[in-house]
Protein backbone atom coordinates (compact mmCIF):
# COMPACT_ATOMS: atom_id res chain seq x y z
CA MET A 1 0.00 0.00 0.00
CA LYS A 2 1.44 3.38 -1.05
CA LYS A 3 1.42 6.18 1.47
CA GLU A 4 0.12 9.48 0.23
CA ARG A 5 2.72 12.18 0.57
CA ARG A 6 1.50 15.60 1.71
CA GLU A 7 3.37 18.76 1.01
CA MET A 8 3.78 21.02 3.98
CA LYS A 9 3.46 24.73 3.52
CA VAL A 10 6.12 26.71 5.30
CA LEU A 11 4.82 29.46 7.51
CA ARG A 12 7.13 32.37 8.15
CA LEU A 13 6.09 34.78 10.84
CA ALA A 14 7.65 38.20 11.29
CA LEU A 15 6.85 40.49 14.19
CA LEU A 16 7.58 44.14 13.61
CA ARG A 17 7.38 47.11 15.88
CA HIS A 18 5.64 50.25 14.67
CA GLY A 19 7.60 53.24 13.44
CA ARG A 20 8.74 56.07 15.65
CA THR A 21 6.21 58.41 17.28
CA GLN A 22 6.73 61.74 19.04
CA GLY A 23 6.30 59.92 22.34
CA ASN A 24 9.20 57.61 21.42
CA VAL A 25 11.36 60.65 20.63
CA GLU A 26 10.48 62.11 24.05
CA ARG A 27 11.10 58.71 25.68
CA ARG A 28 7.51 58.47 26.97
CA PHE A 29 5.59 55.24 27.43
CA GLU A 30 2.49 55.53 25.24
CA GLY A 31 0.84 52.16 25.76
CA VAL A 32 -2.50 52.15 23.96
CA THR A 33 -2.54 55.91 23.34
CA ASP A 34 -3.45 56.24 19.67
CA ARG A 35 -0.75 58.54 18.32
CA PRO A 36 0.42 58.74 14.71
CA LEU A 37 3.94 58.30 13.43
CA CYS A 38 6.07 61.42 13.66
CA THR A 39 7.86 62.86 10.64
CA GLN A 40 11.09 61.12 11.66
CA GLY A 41 9.26 57.79 11.90
CA GLU A 42 7.74 58.24 8.44
CA GLU A 43 11.15 59.13 6.99
CA GLU A 44 12.81 56.08 8.57
CA LEU A 45 10.13 53.77 7.16
CA ALA A 46 10.40 55.37 3.72
CA GLU A 47 14.15 54.66 3.77
CA MET A 48 13.46 50.97 4.46
CA GLY A 49 11.53 50.63 1.22
CA ASP A 50 8.90 48.03 0.44
CA PHE A 51 9.10 44.67 2.19
CA PRO A 52 8.74 41.48 0.11
CA ALA A 53 5.25 40.36 -0.87
CA VAL A 54 3.42 38.54 1.91
CA ASP A 55 0.18 36.60 2.14
CA ARG A 56 -1.21 38.50 5.08
CA VAL A 57 -0.47 41.46 7.34
CA ASP A 58 -2.16 41.63 10.74
CA VAL A 59 -1.96 44.88 12.71
CA SER A 60 -3.27 46.31 15.93
CA PRO A 61 -6.02 48.93 15.60
CA LEU A 62 -3.63 51.70 16.67
CA LEU A 63 -2.96 54.31 14.00
CA ARG A 64 0.84 54.04 14.23
CA SER A 65 0.66 50.29 13.57
CA ARG A 66 -1.65 50.70 10.59
CA GLN A 67 0.56 53.47 9.18
CA THR A 68 3.69 51.32 9.55
CA ALA A 69 2.08 48.35 7.82
CA SER A 70 0.76 50.41 4.92
CA MET A 71 4.18 52.00 4.36
CA LEU A 72 6.11 48.70 4.44
CA PHE A 73 3.65 46.34 2.76
CA HIS A 74 2.28 48.25 -0.24
CA ARG A 75 0.84 45.13 -1.89
CA ALA A 76 -1.06 43.79 1.12
CA GLU A 77 -4.16 45.16 2.79
CA PRO A 78 -3.44 45.26 6.56
CA ARG A 79 -6.03 43.35 8.58
CA VAL A 80 -6.85 44.86 11.97
CA VAL A 81 -6.93 42.25 14.72
């Protein structure tokens, strides 16, 4: 009896921190305060360029996380979780 061979799909998971905010610059803990990226954070992300294509991008509902994902993953629609 022949055994059926299944192909396994490789899952790669990357965890990224959001870009810099004014609170980060001022060394303040922001927690769940919904602050946007600061100009410096936007510039740093722009320098990184576009990340490789991915199947899915999950982000927190915080604005800075959504901004970071949309700047790095142009081809994927971030999914808020």
